[in-house]
């Protein structure tokens, strides 16, 4: 799942990532610019994505509490619940604490990491 954080209007990098994942025939959901918190959390709850990429171009839009909330989402039956991997993408996240969340260093890093997440065998 690819989405800009609330208040973020810059989508070009997410569009490129969506296209790159599409070329690899990996499923994505692209939500685009300024996704409201309620819509973002509802989509995560409904879709149960393996990964959520949150784009923030500027520090003023990068919300660590929102990222933590998304990272804490759970779905599935009790005893086998899953959580999404959260990837914080964009320069707005620089210098922000992101314990337990991924921070790609470049486009290729994000693409490779998401590919590995999708193609990895789920734990038994």
N, C-alpha and C. Protein backbone atom coordinates (compact mmCIF):
# COMPACT_ATOMS: atom_id res chain seq x y z
N UNK A 1 0.85 -1.16 0.00
CA UNK A 1 0.00 0.00 0.00
C UNK A 1 0.90 1.23 0.00
N UNK A 2 0.64 2.18 -0.88
CA UNK A 2 1.44 3.38 -1.01
C UNK A 2 0.55 4.59 -0.76
N UNK A 3 1.00 5.48 0.14
CA UNK A 3 0.18 6.65 0.46
C UNK A 3 1.05 7.80 0.95
N UNK A 4 0.62 9.00 0.62
CA UNK A 4 1.22 10.19 1.20
C UNK A 4 0.55 10.42 2.56
N UNK A 5 1.33 10.92 3.50
CA UNK A 5 0.76 11.24 4.80
C UNK A 5 -0.19 12.43 4.66
N UNK A 6 -1.09 12.62 5.64
CA UNK A 6 -2.00 13.75 5.57
C UNK A 6 -1.24 15.07 5.38
N UNK A 7 -1.76 15.91 4.51
CA UNK A 7 -1.15 17.20 4.26
C UNK A 7 -0.05 17.18 3.20
N UNK A 8 0.34 16.00 2.75
CA UNK A 8 1.43 15.88 1.77
C UNK A 8 0.88 15.82 0.35
N UNK A 9 1.31 16.73 -0.49
CA UNK A 9 0.81 16.80 -1.86
C UNK A 9 1.76 16.22 -2.91
N UNK A 10 3.00 15.94 -2.55
CA UNK A 10 4.01 15.45 -3.50
C UNK A 10 3.86 13.95 -3.70
N UNK A 11 3.49 13.53 -4.90
CA UNK A 11 3.23 12.11 -5.16
C UNK A 11 4.17 11.48 -6.18
N UNK A 12 5.01 12.26 -6.83
CA UNK A 12 5.79 11.75 -7.94
C UNK A 12 6.63 10.52 -7.57
N UNK A 13 7.28 10.54 -6.43
CA UNK A 13 8.11 9.40 -6.02
C UNK A 13 7.25 8.16 -5.80
N UNK A 14 6.07 8.32 -5.22
CA UNK A 14 5.18 7.17 -5.03
C UNK A 14 4.67 6.64 -6.36
N UNK A 15 4.40 7.54 -7.30
CA UNK A 15 3.96 7.13 -8.63
C UNK A 15 5.06 6.28 -9.29
N UNK A 16 6.31 6.71 -9.14
CA UNK A 16 7.43 5.95 -9.70
C UNK A 16 7.56 4.58 -9.03
N UNK A 17 7.42 4.55 -7.72
CA UNK A 17 7.50 3.28 -6.99
C UNK A 17 6.36 2.36 -7.40
N UNK A 18 5.17 2.91 -7.54
CA UNK A 18 4.02 2.13 -7.99
C UNK A 18 4.28 1.54 -9.38
N UNK A 19 4.84 2.34 -10.27
CA UNK A 19 5.16 1.86 -11.62
C UNK A 19 6.22 0.77 -11.58
N UNK A 20 7.25 0.96 -10.76
CA UNK A 20 8.30 -0.04 -10.64
C UNK A 20 7.78 -1.37 -10.11
N UNK A 21 6.93 -1.31 -9.10
CA UNK A 21 6.33 -2.52 -8.55
C UNK A 21 5.39 -3.17 -9.57
N UNK A 22 4.70 -2.33 -10.33
CA UNK A 22 3.82 -2.85 -11.39
C UNK A 22 4.61 -3.58 -12.47
N UNK A 23 5.77 -3.05 -12.84
CA UNK A 23 6.61 -3.73 -13.83
C UNK A 23 7.04 -5.10 -13.35
N UNK A 24 7.19 -5.24 -12.04
CA UNK A 24 7.57 -6.53 -11.45
C UNK A 24 6.34 -7.41 -11.19
N UNK A 25 5.18 -6.91 -11.58
CA UNK A 25 3.90 -7.61 -11.40
C UNK A 25 3.57 -7.89 -9.94
N UNK A 26 3.95 -6.93 -9.09
CA UNK A 26 3.62 -7.03 -7.68
C UNK A 26 2.37 -6.19 -7.42
N UNK A 27 1.43 -6.70 -6.65
CA UNK A 27 0.19 -5.97 -6.40
C UNK A 27 0.43 -4.75 -5.51
N UNK A 28 -0.22 -3.65 -5.85
CA UNK A 28 -0.13 -2.44 -5.04
C UNK A 28 -1.50 -1.78 -4.95
N UNK A 29 -1.63 -0.92 -3.97
CA UNK A 29 -2.76 0.00 -3.86
C UNK A 29 -2.13 1.36 -3.68
N UNK A 30 -2.40 2.25 -4.60
CA UNK A 30 -1.84 3.59 -4.57
C UNK A 30 -2.93 4.54 -4.12
N UNK A 31 -2.70 5.24 -3.01
CA UNK A 31 -3.70 6.15 -2.47
C UNK A 31 -3.42 7.61 -2.77
N UNK A 32 -2.20 7.96 -3.12
CA UNK A 32 -1.92 9.30 -3.58
C UNK A 32 -1.74 10.34 -2.50
N UNK A 33 -2.07 11.58 -2.85
CA UNK A 33 -1.76 12.75 -2.02
C UNK A 33 -2.71 12.91 -0.84
N UNK A 34 -2.13 13.42 0.25
CA UNK A 34 -2.88 13.89 1.43
C UNK A 34 -3.99 12.93 1.87
N UNK A 35 -3.62 11.70 2.12
CA UNK A 35 -4.61 10.71 2.56
C UNK A 35 -5.00 11.02 4.01
N UNK A 36 -6.29 11.24 4.26
CA UNK A 36 -6.73 11.51 5.63
C UNK A 36 -6.42 10.33 6.56
N UNK A 37 -6.14 10.63 7.81
CA UNK A 37 -5.79 9.60 8.80
C UNK A 37 -6.85 8.50 8.83
N UNK A 38 -8.12 8.89 8.88
CA UNK A 38 -9.20 7.91 8.98
C UNK A 38 -9.23 6.98 7.77
N UNK A 39 -9.02 7.53 6.59
CA UNK A 39 -9.02 6.72 5.37
C UNK A 39 -7.82 5.78 5.34
N UNK A 40 -6.68 6.27 5.77
CA UNK A 40 -5.46 5.47 5.79
C UNK A 40 -5.60 4.29 6.75
N UNK A 41 -6.05 4.55 7.96
CA UNK A 41 -6.18 3.48 8.94
C UNK A 41 -7.27 2.49 8.54
N UNK A 42 -8.36 2.97 7.98
CA UNK A 42 -9.43 2.07 7.53
C UNK A 42 -8.94 1.18 6.39
N UNK A 43 -8.15 1.74 5.48
CA UNK A 43 -7.62 0.94 4.36
C UNK A 43 -6.67 -0.14 4.87
N UNK A 44 -5.82 0.20 5.82
CA UNK A 44 -4.91 -0.79 6.40
C UNK A 44 -5.71 -1.90 7.07
N UNK A 45 -6.73 -1.53 7.83
CA UNK A 45 -7.56 -2.52 8.53
C UNK A 45 -8.29 -3.43 7.54
N UNK A 46 -8.78 -2.87 6.45
CA UNK A 46 -9.56 -3.65 5.47
C UNK A 46 -8.69 -4.52 4.58
N UNK A 47 -7.55 -3.96 4.14
CA UNK A 47 -6.71 -4.65 3.16
C UNK A 47 -5.70 -5.60 3.79
N UNK A 48 -5.24 -5.30 4.98
CA UNK A 48 -4.22 -6.13 5.62
C UNK A 48 -2.97 -6.23 4.77
N UNK A 49 -2.38 -5.09 4.36
CA UNK A 49 -1.23 -5.13 3.45
C UNK A 49 0.03 -5.68 4.13
N UNK A 50 0.89 -6.29 3.34
CA UNK A 50 2.18 -6.76 3.86
C UNK A 50 3.07 -5.58 4.22
N UNK A 51 2.93 -4.49 3.45
CA UNK A 51 3.75 -3.30 3.70
C UNK A 51 2.94 -2.04 3.41
N UNK A 52 3.26 -0.99 4.15
CA UNK A 52 2.65 0.33 3.93
C UNK A 52 3.80 1.32 3.77
N UNK A 53 3.84 1.98 2.62
CA UNK A 53 4.84 3.01 2.37
C UNK A 53 4.19 4.36 2.64
N UNK A 54 4.76 5.12 3.56
CA UNK A 54 4.25 6.45 3.90
C UNK A 54 5.24 7.49 3.39
N UNK A 55 4.81 8.32 2.45
CA UNK A 55 5.67 9.33 1.87
C UNK A 55 5.46 10.67 2.57
N UNK A 56 6.59 11.31 2.95
CA UNK A 56 6.56 12.66 3.50
C UNK A 56 7.69 13.45 2.84
N UNK A 57 7.34 14.47 2.12
CA UNK A 57 8.33 15.32 1.46
C UNK A 57 8.96 16.29 2.45
N UNK A 58 8.17 16.74 3.41
CA UNK A 58 8.70 17.73 4.36
C UNK A 58 8.51 17.25 5.80
N UNK A 59 9.32 17.81 6.69
CA UNK A 59 9.25 17.44 8.12
C UNK A 59 7.89 17.81 8.72
N UNK A 60 7.27 18.85 8.19
CA UNK A 60 6.00 19.30 8.77
C UNK A 60 4.86 18.30 8.52
N UNK A 61 5.01 17.43 7.53
CA UNK A 61 3.96 16.44 7.27
C UNK A 61 4.29 15.06 7.83
N UNK A 62 5.55 14.79 8.15
CA UNK A 62 5.97 13.48 8.65
C UNK A 62 5.47 13.30 10.09
N UNK A 63 4.57 12.38 10.28
CA UNK A 63 3.97 12.16 11.60
C UNK A 63 4.40 10.80 12.15
N UNK A 64 5.32 10.83 13.10
CA UNK A 64 5.77 9.59 13.73
C UNK A 64 4.63 8.89 14.46
N UNK A 65 3.75 9.62 15.19
CA UNK A 65 2.63 8.92 15.84
C UNK A 65 1.73 8.19 14.83
N UNK A 66 1.50 8.78 13.68
CA UNK A 66 0.70 8.11 12.64
C UNK A 66 1.42 6.84 12.17
N UNK A 67 2.70 6.94 11.91
CA UNK A 67 3.47 5.78 11.45
C UNK A 67 3.43 4.66 12.49
N UNK A 68 3.57 5.02 13.77
CA UNK A 68 3.50 4.02 14.83
C UNK A 68 2.12 3.38 14.90
N UNK A 69 1.10 4.19 14.72
CA UNK A 69 -0.27 3.66 14.73
C UNK A 69 -0.47 2.65 13.60
N UNK A 70 -0.01 2.99 12.41
CA UNK A 70 -0.12 2.08 11.26
C UNK A 70 0.69 0.81 11.53
N UNK A 71 1.90 0.96 12.07
CA UNK A 71 2.75 -0.20 12.36
C UNK A 71 2.12 -1.11 13.41
N UNK A 72 1.26 -0.57 14.25
CA UNK A 72 0.62 -1.36 15.30
C UNK A 72 -0.67 -2.04 14.87
N UNK A 73 -1.12 -1.78 13.65
CA UNK A 73 -2.36 -2.40 13.16
C UNK A 73 -2.18 -3.91 13.10
N UNK A 74 -3.23 -4.64 13.42
CA UNK A 74 -3.21 -6.11 13.39
C UNK A 74 -4.45 -6.63 12.70
N UNK A 75 -4.32 -7.79 12.08
CA UNK A 75 -5.45 -8.47 11.50
C UNK A 75 -5.16 -9.96 11.49
N UNK A 76 -6.17 -10.72 11.24
CA UNK A 76 -6.03 -12.18 11.23
C UNK A 76 -6.59 -12.80 12.49
N UNK A 77 -6.61 -14.11 12.51
CA UNK A 77 -7.18 -14.83 13.65
C UNK A 77 -6.23 -14.75 14.84
N UNK A 78 -6.81 -14.82 16.03
CA UNK A 78 -6.03 -14.76 17.25
C UNK A 78 -4.98 -15.88 17.24
N UNK A 79 -3.77 -15.54 17.61
CA UNK A 79 -2.67 -16.49 17.60
C UNK A 79 -1.89 -16.48 16.30
N UNK A 80 -2.44 -15.88 15.26
CA UNK A 80 -1.75 -15.80 13.97
C UNK A 80 -1.91 -14.40 13.38
N UNK A 81 -1.99 -13.42 14.25
CA UNK A 81 -2.17 -12.04 13.78
C UNK A 81 -0.92 -11.54 13.06
N UNK A 82 -1.15 -10.67 12.10
CA UNK A 82 -0.05 -10.09 11.33
C UNK A 82 -0.10 -8.58 11.45
N UNK A 83 1.03 -7.96 11.19
CA UNK A 83 1.16 -6.50 11.17
C UNK A 83 1.84 -6.09 9.87
N UNK A 84 1.56 -4.89 9.40
CA UNK A 84 2.26 -4.46 8.19
C UNK A 84 3.68 -4.00 8.51
N UNK A 85 4.56 -4.16 7.54
CA UNK A 85 5.87 -3.53 7.62
C UNK A 85 5.65 -2.10 7.16
N UNK A 86 6.13 -1.13 7.93
CA UNK A 86 5.96 0.27 7.57
C UNK A 86 7.28 0.80 7.04
N UNK A 87 7.22 1.38 5.84
CA UNK A 87 8.39 1.98 5.21
C UNK A 87 8.17 3.49 5.18
N UNK A 88 9.08 4.22 5.82
CA UNK A 88 9.02 5.68 5.85
C UNK A 88 9.87 6.20 4.71
N UNK A 89 9.22 6.77 3.71
CA UNK A 89 9.91 7.21 2.51
C UNK A 89 9.82 8.72 2.35
N UNK A 90 10.88 9.30 1.85
CA UNK A 90 10.91 10.72 1.59
C UNK A 90 11.76 11.49 2.58
N UNK A 91 12.20 12.67 2.18
CA UNK A 91 13.09 13.47 3.01
C UNK A 91 12.46 14.00 4.29
N UNK A 92 11.16 14.01 4.39
CA UNK A 92 10.49 14.50 5.60
C UNK A 92 10.78 13.65 6.83
N UNK A 93 11.15 12.40 6.62
CA UNK A 93 11.41 11.50 7.74
C UNK A 93 12.84 11.57 8.24
N UNK A 94 13.72 12.28 7.55
CA UNK A 94 15.12 12.36 7.97
C UNK A 94 15.23 12.90 9.39
N UNK A 95 16.02 12.20 10.20
CA UNK A 95 16.21 12.63 11.58
C UNK A 95 15.10 12.23 12.53
N UNK A 96 14.07 11.59 12.02
CA UNK A 96 12.96 11.15 12.87
C UNK A 96 13.23 9.74 13.37
N UNK A 97 12.85 9.47 14.60
CA UNK A 97 13.00 8.13 15.16
C UNK A 97 12.05 7.20 14.43
N UNK A 98 12.59 6.08 13.96
CA UNK A 98 11.76 5.16 13.20
C UNK A 98 12.02 3.72 13.62
N UNK A 99 12.16 3.49 14.91
CA UNK A 99 12.45 2.16 15.43
C UNK A 99 11.41 1.16 14.95
N UNK A 100 11.90 0.07 14.35
CA UNK A 100 11.03 -0.98 13.85
C UNK A 100 10.42 -0.69 12.50
N UNK A 101 10.76 0.44 11.89
CA UNK A 101 10.24 0.78 10.57
C UNK A 101 11.40 0.90 9.60
N UNK A 102 11.13 0.62 8.35
CA UNK A 102 12.16 0.67 7.32
C UNK A 102 12.34 2.08 6.79
N UNK A 103 13.59 2.43 6.44
CA UNK A 103 13.91 3.72 5.84
C UNK A 103 14.76 3.47 4.61
N UNK A 104 14.17 3.43 3.43
CA UNK A 104 14.98 3.19 2.23
C UNK A 104 15.93 4.37 1.98
N UNK A 105 17.09 4.04 1.44
CA UNK A 105 18.08 5.09 1.15
C UNK A 105 17.96 5.62 -0.27
N UNK A 106 17.29 4.87 -1.13
CA UNK A 106 17.13 5.27 -2.52
C UNK A 106 15.94 4.51 -3.12
N UNK A 107 15.56 4.90 -4.30
CA UNK A 107 14.44 4.26 -5.00
C UNK A 107 14.68 2.76 -5.14
N UNK A 108 15.85 2.37 -5.60
CA UNK A 108 16.15 0.95 -5.80
C UNK A 108 16.09 0.18 -4.48
N UNK A 109 16.54 0.79 -3.42
CA UNK A 109 16.46 0.16 -2.10
C UNK A 109 15.00 -0.11 -1.73
N UNK A 110 14.14 0.86 -1.94
CA UNK A 110 12.71 0.69 -1.64
C UNK A 110 12.12 -0.42 -2.51
N UNK A 111 12.41 -0.39 -3.78
CA UNK A 111 11.90 -1.39 -4.71
C UNK A 111 12.38 -2.79 -4.34
N UNK A 112 13.67 -2.94 -4.07
CA UNK A 112 14.22 -4.25 -3.70
C UNK A 112 13.65 -4.75 -2.38
N UNK A 113 13.53 -3.88 -1.40
CA UNK A 113 13.00 -4.27 -0.09
C UNK A 113 11.55 -4.73 -0.20
N UNK A 114 10.73 -3.98 -0.92
CA UNK A 114 9.33 -4.36 -1.08
C UNK A 114 9.19 -5.66 -1.87
N UNK A 115 10.04 -5.84 -2.87
CA UNK A 115 10.02 -7.09 -3.63
C UNK A 115 10.35 -8.27 -2.73
N UNK A 116 11.36 -8.12 -1.91
CA UNK A 116 11.73 -9.19 -0.98
C UNK A 116 10.62 -9.47 0.03
N UNK A 117 9.98 -8.45 0.53
CA UNK A 117 8.88 -8.64 1.47
C UNK A 117 7.74 -9.42 0.85
N UNK A 118 7.43 -9.10 -0.41
CA UNK A 118 6.31 -9.73 -1.07
C UNK A 118 6.62 -11.18 -1.46
N UNK A 119 7.83 -11.44 -1.88
CA UNK A 119 8.17 -12.77 -2.38
C UNK A 119 8.67 -13.72 -1.30
N UNK A 120 8.92 -13.21 -0.09
CA UNK A 120 9.40 -14.06 1.00
C UNK A 120 8.33 -15.03 1.45
N UNK A 121 8.74 -16.19 1.85
CA UNK A 121 7.82 -17.18 2.40
C UNK A 121 7.32 -16.71 3.75
N UNK A 122 6.01 -16.80 4.02
CA UNK A 122 5.52 -16.43 5.34
C UNK A 122 6.03 -17.44 6.38
N UNK A 123 6.26 -16.97 7.63
CA UNK A 123 6.74 -17.90 8.65
C UNK A 123 5.72 -19.00 8.93
N UNK A 124 6.21 -20.22 9.18
CA UNK A 124 5.31 -21.35 9.44
C UNK A 124 4.86 -21.37 10.88
